[in-house]
Amino acid sequence: MERPPTSNHETASNRHTAPNREAASNRTATPNSTAMPDDAASPASASHGAANVTGGFPVAIDGSTFGWTAGLDETMRILTGFADAGGRLVCTADHYAGGRSEVMIGRWLSTLRDRSQAIVATKIGRHPDSTGLSARSIVRATEASLYRLATDYIDILSFDGEHPETPIDESLEAVDALRRAGKVRYLAASGYRAERIAEVADFAAAAAYPVFRAVIAEYNLLCAAQFETELAPVLRRLGIDAITRFPLAGGLLGDDERPGEPPHDNRTRGADRPSRRAASVRRALRRVADERGLRMRQVALAWVLCHPGVASVMVQARDVDELDGLLEAVPVRLTRHDLSALNKVAA
C-alpha cells in the first residue's frame, strides 16, 4: 500500500513541508519539531489544483454535526473560529439534519463581508425531496441548496453516490447548465469506486463535460487500504484532489476513549465497538503521542495529512474547543520513525 516513507533516518513531514514523498525523503531530520519551518511549502502545492478547489488550507469543516450535535450559536462560533484560523472549505450535504446544516451555514455566510472568503461544498442525490442524479433532481436539489445556503453559487457540488439508474451524460449535462448559469463552480464525487471515477473522467473529457475536480473519501489508520491501493492512484493519474473524511474513525482514534471502551461518537461506519485491530492502532498512536508530547488526535490527523494526494481533511467539531484541538494537528511534523510505527498497524 502506498504510505509515507518509513525510514527512521530523516523527517517525513506533513503536506505543509513535503508535497511529495521524494521531497520528504530529502528533508533534514528534526525529530522533535512540531512547528512548520519558515520556508514550508503551502498545502496547495501538494496536490493537483488544490489552491483553486479546496482553498489551500489542509483542514475542512464537516458540517454533518450542524443542526444535530451543534446548534446555531455553536455552529456560528465554530465556523468563525475556523475562518479565523485560515480555513475556507466548509462541507455539507443537502440532507444533513434535514437541511438544517445548510441553513446554519447560510446564516454564517451572510455575516461575511466577502462571500469568496469561504468555499462551500455540498452533496446532492440523497435528499428525500430530490433523490438520485437525474437532470430534474440535480436542478431541484441545487436550487434548494442555494436557497438554504442563502448564496448565489455553490463552489463544489458533489454527486453523493453513483446512482447508476441515471445515464451519466444526463447528470453531467445538468451540472454543465448550472455551471454556465454561474450557480456551480466545480463538480466532485462522494462514495464513488475508483473504476467509476475513471469511467466518468474519460466520458467527460470526450464530450467536454464538467469533470470531477475532487473526490470525497474515507481515510484513516483504520481504513487505509482501499484509499491507498485503489483510489489514490487513480486520482493522482487524473489530477483529482482527495478530500478525506473521518480521520479519527468516529472517535476511535481520539483521546477520549481507552481500548475496550465504546467510542463517544459513532460518526463512521464500523465504529460501534473497538476491535482488536483498533486497540492495536490506538496503542501505536498512544506510544507516538507520548514520545512526542502530542495528543492522539493530533498524531492521527497528521498521519492523514502526510499522504501527498490528500488536498484537505474534513473534521467534525461539536464546539470551538474541539475544533481548536483538531487544528493543533496542522503544524505537526511526523518523523519517519513515527510513520514507520503507525504504518505497521494501519490497514
Protein backbone atom coordinates (compact mmCIF):
# COMPACT_ATOMS: atom_id res chain seq x y z
CA MET A 1 0.00 0.00 0.00
CA GLU A 2 1.15 3.49 -0.76
CA ARG A 3 2.10 5.19 2.50
CA PRO A 4 4.59 7.82 3.59
CA PRO A 5 8.22 6.64 3.71
CA THR A 6 9.24 4.68 6.75
CA SER A 7 13.00 5.22 7.03
CA ASN A 8 13.83 6.43 10.53
CA HIS A 9 16.87 8.46 9.44
CA GLU A 10 15.07 11.51 8.15
CA THR A 11 11.96 13.51 8.96
CA ALA A 12 8.82 12.96 6.94
CA SER A 13 6.65 15.99 7.40
CA ASN A 14 3.02 16.57 6.67
CA ARG A 15 1.93 18.16 3.43
CA HIS A 16 3.00 21.60 4.62
CA THR A 17 6.59 20.57 4.10
CA ALA A 18 6.51 17.51 1.88
CA PRO A 19 4.48 17.96 -1.29
CA ASN A 20 5.64 14.51 -2.41
CA ARG A 21 7.49 11.60 -0.93
CA GLU A 22 10.66 12.29 -2.86
CA ALA A 23 10.80 15.74 -1.30
CA ALA A 24 10.09 14.27 2.13
CA SER A 25 12.96 11.84 1.84
CA ASN A 26 15.43 14.68 1.31
CA ARG A 27 14.48 16.65 4.41
CA THR A 28 16.90 17.28 7.24
CA ALA A 29 15.95 15.35 10.36
CA THR A 30 14.13 17.35 13.02
CA PRO A 31 12.59 14.52 15.02
CA ASN A 32 11.09 16.60 17.80
CA SER A 33 9.83 19.58 15.85
CA THR A 34 6.14 20.33 15.91
CA ALA A 35 6.26 23.70 14.17
CA MET A 36 6.35 24.42 10.46
CA PRO A 37 9.64 25.82 9.18
CA ASP A 38 9.60 29.33 7.80
CA ASP A 39 10.11 28.06 4.26
CA ALA A 40 7.39 25.41 4.44
CA ALA A 41 5.54 24.87 1.21
CA SER A 42 1.89 25.77 1.07
CA PRO A 43 -0.50 22.80 1.23
CA ALA A 44 -1.82 23.99 -2.10
CA SER A 45 1.43 22.95 -3.75
CA ALA A 46 0.99 19.35 -2.72
CA SER A 47 -1.89 18.27 -4.91
CA HIS A 48 -3.50 18.95 -8.23
CA GLY A 49 -5.39 22.23 -8.28
CA ALA A 50 -5.82 22.32 -4.53
CA ALA A 51 -5.43 26.10 -4.32
CA ASN A 52 -8.30 26.60 -6.74
CA VAL A 53 -10.66 23.92 -5.48
CA THR A 54 -10.12 23.47 -1.74
CA GLY A 55 -8.54 26.80 -0.85
CA GLY A 56 -5.06 25.64 0.11
CA PHE A 57 -5.76 25.07 3.83
CA PRO A 58 -5.25 21.41 4.81
CA VAL A 59 -8.34 21.12 7.00
CA ALA A 60 -12.01 21.44 6.06
CA ILE A 61 -15.08 21.56 8.26
CA ASP A 62 -17.52 18.64 8.10
CA GLY A 63 -20.96 20.19 8.52
CA SER A 64 -22.72 16.94 9.39
CA THR A 65 -22.78 17.98 13.06
CA PHE A 66 -24.54 21.29 12.37
CA GLY A 67 -28.19 21.11 13.29
CA TRP A 68 -27.56 17.82 15.03
CA THR A 69 -24.98 17.98 17.83
CA ALA A 70 -24.21 21.67 17.27
CA GLY A 71 -26.95 24.29 17.42
CA LEU A 72 -26.98 27.57 15.53
CA ASP A 73 -24.98 29.63 18.02
CA GLU A 74 -22.26 26.98 18.37
CA THR A 75 -22.19 26.46 14.61
CA MET A 76 -21.60 30.17 14.09
CA ARG A 77 -18.74 30.11 16.62
CA ILE A 78 -17.19 27.02 15.03
CA LEU A 79 -17.26 28.48 11.53
CA THR A 80 -15.96 31.85 12.67
CA GLY A 81 -13.12 30.19 14.59
CA PHE A 82 -12.32 28.04 11.58
CA ALA A 83 -12.16 31.07 9.28
CA ASP A 84 -10.06 32.99 11.79
CA ALA A 85 -7.56 30.10 11.73
CA GLY A 86 -7.28 30.35 7.95
CA GLY A 87 -9.82 27.71 7.00
CA ARG A 88 -12.05 28.15 3.98
CA LEU A 89 -13.62 24.85 2.91
CA VAL A 90 -16.95 24.05 4.56
CA CYS A 91 -18.51 20.73 3.54
CA THR A 92 -22.11 19.69 3.98
CA ALA A 93 -24.94 17.83 2.22
CA ASP A 94 -28.50 18.76 1.35
CA HIS A 95 -29.84 16.00 3.63
CA TYR A 96 -27.74 16.67 6.74
CA ALA A 97 -30.09 17.31 9.66
CA GLY A 98 -32.93 17.56 7.16
CA GLY A 99 -31.31 20.59 5.52
CA ARG A 100 -30.62 22.46 8.77
CA SER A 101 -26.87 22.15 8.25
CA GLU A 102 -27.09 24.17 5.04
CA VAL A 103 -29.38 26.72 6.68
CA MET A 104 -26.92 27.29 9.52
CA ILE A 105 -24.00 27.59 7.13
CA GLY A 106 -26.05 30.07 5.14
CA ARG A 107 -26.60 32.17 8.24
CA TRP A 108 -22.85 32.27 8.76
CA LEU A 109 -22.18 33.12 5.11
CA SER A 110 -24.45 36.14 5.45
CA THR A 111 -22.09 37.57 8.07
CA LEU A 112 -19.09 37.57 5.72
CA ARG A 113 -18.03 40.77 4.02
CA ASP A 114 -16.82 38.77 1.05
CA ARG A 115 -18.61 35.55 0.10
CA SER A 116 -15.48 34.37 -1.74
CA GLN A 117 -13.68 34.07 1.60
CA ALA A 118 -15.49 30.76 2.06
CA ILE A 119 -15.55 27.68 -0.17
CA VAL A 120 -18.82 25.83 0.23
CA ALA A 121 -19.17 22.21 -0.83
CA THR A 122 -22.46 20.38 -0.66
CA LYS A 123 -23.57 16.92 -1.73
CA ILE A 124 -26.76 16.09 -3.58
CA GLY A 125 -28.50 12.87 -4.50
CA ARG A 126 -29.87 11.60 -1.19
CA HIS A 127 -32.36 14.22 -0.07
CA PRO A 128 -35.85 12.67 0.07
CA ASP A 129 -37.26 15.54 -2.00
CA SER A 130 -34.62 15.21 -4.73
CA THR A 131 -33.34 11.66 -4.75
CA GLY A 132 -30.95 10.49 -7.43
CA LEU A 133 -28.97 12.27 -10.12
CA SER A 134 -31.48 12.77 -12.89
CA ALA A 135 -31.37 16.19 -14.51
CA ARG A 136 -34.58 17.16 -12.74
CA SER A 137 -33.31 16.01 -9.35
CA ILE A 138 -29.96 17.77 -9.78
CA VAL A 139 -31.54 21.09 -10.71
CA ARG A 140 -34.16 20.84 -7.99
CA ALA A 141 -31.63 19.83 -5.32
CA THR A 142 -29.17 22.54 -6.32
CA GLU A 143 -31.80 25.28 -6.29
CA ALA A 144 -32.97 24.11 -2.87
CA SER A 145 -29.40 24.12 -1.53
CA LEU A 146 -28.80 27.60 -2.91
CA TYR A 147 -31.93 28.77 -1.09
CA ARG A 148 -30.96 27.15 2.21
CA LEU A 149 -27.39 28.40 1.94
CA ALA A 150 -28.64 31.88 1.04
CA THR A 151 -25.99 32.17 -1.65
CA ASP A 152 -25.89 32.74 -5.40
CA TYR A 153 -23.48 29.90 -6.13
CA ILE A 154 -22.08 26.66 -4.76
CA ASP A 155 -18.33 26.30 -5.01
CA ILE A 156 -18.21 22.50 -5.11
CA LEU A 157 -21.27 20.40 -5.97
CA SER A 158 -20.78 16.71 -5.19
CA PHE A 159 -22.64 13.71 -6.53
CA ASP A 160 -23.44 11.67 -3.40
CA GLY A 161 -23.19 8.10 -4.63
CA GLU A 162 -23.04 6.65 -8.12
CA HIS A 163 -26.79 6.28 -8.87
CA PRO A 164 -26.37 4.01 -11.93
CA GLU A 165 -30.06 4.28 -12.77
CA THR A 166 -29.35 7.63 -14.46
CA PRO A 167 -27.10 7.90 -17.55
CA ILE A 168 -24.01 9.87 -16.62
CA ASP A 169 -24.39 12.18 -19.61
CA GLU A 170 -27.76 13.35 -18.27
CA SER A 171 -26.20 14.17 -14.90
CA LEU A 172 -23.19 15.95 -16.41
CA GLU A 173 -25.36 17.92 -18.82
CA ALA A 174 -27.42 19.23 -15.90
CA VAL A 175 -24.31 20.28 -14.00
CA ASP A 176 -22.90 21.93 -17.11
CA ALA A 177 -26.05 24.04 -17.42
CA LEU A 178 -25.81 25.04 -13.75
CA ARG A 179 -22.16 25.92 -14.19
CA ARG A 180 -22.87 28.06 -17.25
CA ALA A 181 -25.56 29.84 -15.24
CA GLY A 182 -22.98 30.67 -12.56
CA LYS A 183 -24.68 28.55 -9.91
CA VAL A 184 -21.96 25.89 -9.57
CA ARG A 185 -18.20 26.28 -9.89
CA TYR A 186 -16.75 22.77 -9.59
CA LEU A 187 -18.00 19.19 -9.63
CA ALA A 188 -16.96 16.49 -7.17
CA ALA A 189 -17.94 12.95 -6.24
CA SER A 190 -18.52 11.15 -2.95
CA GLY A 191 -18.82 7.41 -2.42
CA TYR A 192 -17.50 6.52 -5.88
CA ARG A 193 -15.41 3.49 -6.78
CA ALA A 194 -12.07 4.17 -8.43
CA GLU A 195 -13.09 2.47 -11.66
CA ARG A 196 -16.27 4.54 -11.90
CA ILE A 197 -14.31 7.75 -11.38
CA ALA A 198 -12.03 6.77 -14.27
CA GLU A 199 -15.02 5.93 -16.48
CA VAL A 200 -16.70 9.27 -15.80
CA ALA A 201 -13.42 11.12 -16.40
CA ASP A 202 -12.99 9.50 -19.83
CA PHE A 203 -16.61 10.19 -20.78
CA ALA A 204 -16.50 13.81 -19.62
CA ALA A 205 -13.23 14.53 -21.41
CA ALA A 206 -14.54 13.11 -24.68
CA ALA A 207 -17.71 15.22 -24.59
CA ALA A 208 -16.28 18.37 -22.93
CA TYR A 209 -18.50 17.90 -19.90
CA PRO A 210 -17.55 19.10 -16.41
CA VAL A 211 -15.01 16.77 -14.82
CA PHE A 212 -14.62 15.72 -11.20
CA ARG A 213 -12.19 18.15 -9.60
CA ALA A 214 -12.33 16.49 -6.17
CA VAL A 215 -13.41 13.22 -4.59
CA ILE A 216 -14.61 12.79 -1.00
CA ALA A 217 -13.45 9.54 0.57
CA GLU A 218 -12.92 7.98 3.99
CA TYR A 219 -9.29 7.65 5.04
CA ASN A 220 -7.73 6.97 8.42
CA LEU A 221 -5.44 4.50 10.17
CA LEU A 222 -8.31 2.02 10.47
CA CYS A 223 -9.49 2.47 6.89
CA ALA A 224 -6.43 2.94 4.69
CA ALA A 225 -6.13 0.06 2.23
CA GLN A 226 -8.91 0.95 -0.20
CA PHE A 227 -7.89 4.58 -0.45
CA GLU A 228 -4.19 3.88 -0.85
CA THR A 229 -4.31 0.91 -3.23
CA GLU A 230 -7.39 1.70 -5.32
CA LEU A 231 -8.48 5.31 -5.12
CA ALA A 232 -5.30 7.38 -4.67
CA PRO A 233 -3.51 6.05 -7.77
CA VAL A 234 -6.50 6.85 -9.97
CA LEU A 235 -6.92 10.32 -8.50
CA ARG A 236 -3.23 11.05 -8.97
CA ARG A 237 -3.32 9.93 -12.61
CA LEU A 238 -6.39 12.05 -13.35
CA GLY A 239 -5.25 15.09 -11.37
CA ILE A 240 -8.22 14.95 -8.98
CA ASP A 241 -7.93 16.17 -5.39
CA ALA A 242 -8.89 13.98 -2.46
CA ILE A 243 -10.97 15.48 0.34
CA THR A 244 -10.82 12.84 3.04
CA ARG A 245 -13.13 12.38 5.98
CA PHE A 246 -13.30 10.54 9.33
CA PRO A 247 -9.59 10.98 10.19
CA LEU A 248 -10.33 9.90 13.77
CA ALA A 249 -12.55 6.97 12.75
CA GLY A 250 -15.56 8.37 14.54
CA GLY A 251 -13.67 8.98 17.78
CA LEU A 252 -11.86 5.65 18.00
CA LEU A 253 -8.54 7.35 17.28
CA GLY A 254 -9.13 10.30 19.55
CA ASP A 255 -8.09 10.90 23.14
CA ASP A 256 -11.38 10.31 24.94
CA GLU A 257 -11.55 6.52 24.86
CA ARG A 258 -9.35 3.75 26.12
CA PRO A 259 -9.01 0.34 24.46
CA GLY A 260 -12.03 -1.78 25.23
CA GLU A 261 -14.37 1.16 25.78
CA PRO A 262 -17.01 2.19 23.23
CA PRO A 263 -16.34 5.44 21.36
CA HIS A 264 -18.13 8.62 22.40
CA ASP A 265 -19.44 9.04 18.89
CA ASN A 266 -20.41 6.70 16.06
CA ARG A 267 -19.65 9.06 13.21
CA THR A 268 -18.20 6.46 10.89
CA ARG A 269 -19.20 3.04 9.67
CA GLY A 270 -18.00 0.16 11.77
CA ALA A 271 -17.20 2.29 14.80
CA ASP A 272 -19.75 0.74 17.14
CA ARG A 273 -17.17 -1.10 19.22
CA PRO A 274 -13.37 -1.09 19.17
CA SER A 275 -11.89 -4.22 17.58
CA ARG A 276 -8.58 -5.85 18.40
CA ARG A 277 -7.02 -4.08 15.44
CA ALA A 278 -8.46 -0.76 16.60
CA ALA A 279 -6.93 -1.38 20.01
CA SER A 280 -3.58 -2.12 18.34
CA VAL A 281 -3.77 1.11 16.34
CA ARG A 282 -4.65 3.08 19.46
CA ARG A 283 -1.68 1.63 21.31
CA ALA A 284 0.64 2.68 18.49
CA LEU A 285 -0.93 6.12 18.43
CA ARG A 286 -0.57 6.43 22.19
CA ARG A 287 3.11 5.50 22.03
CA VAL A 288 3.88 8.02 19.29
CA ALA A 289 1.84 10.71 21.02
CA ASP A 290 3.53 10.11 24.37
CA GLU A 291 7.01 10.11 22.82
CA ARG A 292 6.32 13.38 21.04
CA GLY A 293 4.32 15.10 23.75
CA LEU A 294 1.27 15.26 21.47
CA ARG A 295 -2.38 14.26 21.65
CA MET A 296 -3.52 11.09 19.88
CA ARG A 297 -5.91 13.07 17.68
CA GLN A 298 -3.04 15.28 16.56
CA VAL A 299 -0.99 12.28 15.52
CA ALA A 300 -3.92 10.53 13.78
CA LEU A 301 -4.80 13.64 11.81
CA ALA A 302 -1.17 14.43 10.98
CA TRP A 303 -0.78 10.90 9.59
CA VAL A 304 -3.61 11.50 7.13
CA LEU A 305 -2.13 14.85 6.15
CA CYS A 306 1.14 13.11 5.26
CA HIS A 307 -0.44 11.49 2.21
CA PRO A 308 0.60 13.58 -0.82
CA GLY A 309 -2.72 13.01 -2.58
CA VAL A 310 -4.80 14.49 0.23
CA ALA A 311 -5.78 18.08 -0.56
CA SER A 312 -7.88 18.58 2.57
CA VAL A 313 -9.11 16.59 5.57
CA MET A 314 -12.65 17.09 6.82
CA VAL A 315 -13.00 17.29 10.59
CA GLN A 316 -16.12 17.24 12.74
CA ALA A 317 -16.39 19.59 15.69
CA ARG A 318 -19.24 19.88 18.16
CA ASP A 319 -17.85 23.05 19.71
CA VAL A 320 -14.99 25.53 19.39
CA ASP A 321 -12.81 23.70 21.91
CA GLU A 322 -12.98 20.51 19.88
CA LEU A 323 -12.17 22.46 16.71
CA ASP A 324 -9.16 24.11 18.36
CA GLY A 325 -7.88 20.71 19.45
CA LEU A 326 -8.13 19.35 15.92
CA LEU A 327 -6.43 22.35 14.36
CA GLU A 328 -3.45 21.73 16.64
CA ALA A 329 -2.54 18.91 14.24
CA VAL A 330 -1.93 21.26 11.31
CA PRO A 331 1.70 22.19 12.15
CA VAL A 332 2.67 18.74 13.44
CA ARG A 333 5.60 17.07 11.70
CA LEU A 334 5.79 13.31 11.95
CA THR A 335 9.23 11.71 11.78
CA ARG A 336 9.97 8.65 9.73
CA HIS A 337 10.22 6.71 12.97
CA ASP A 338 6.67 7.86 13.84
CA LEU A 339 5.36 6.92 10.41
CA SER A 340 7.03 3.51 10.49
CA ALA A 341 5.31 2.68 13.77
CA LEU A 342 1.92 3.83 12.50
CA ASN A 343 2.18 2.28 9.05
CA LYS A 344 2.81 -1.12 10.60
CA VAL A 345 -0.62 -1.12 12.22
CA ALA A 346 -2.57 0.73 9.51
CA ALA A 347 -4.77 -1.30 7.19
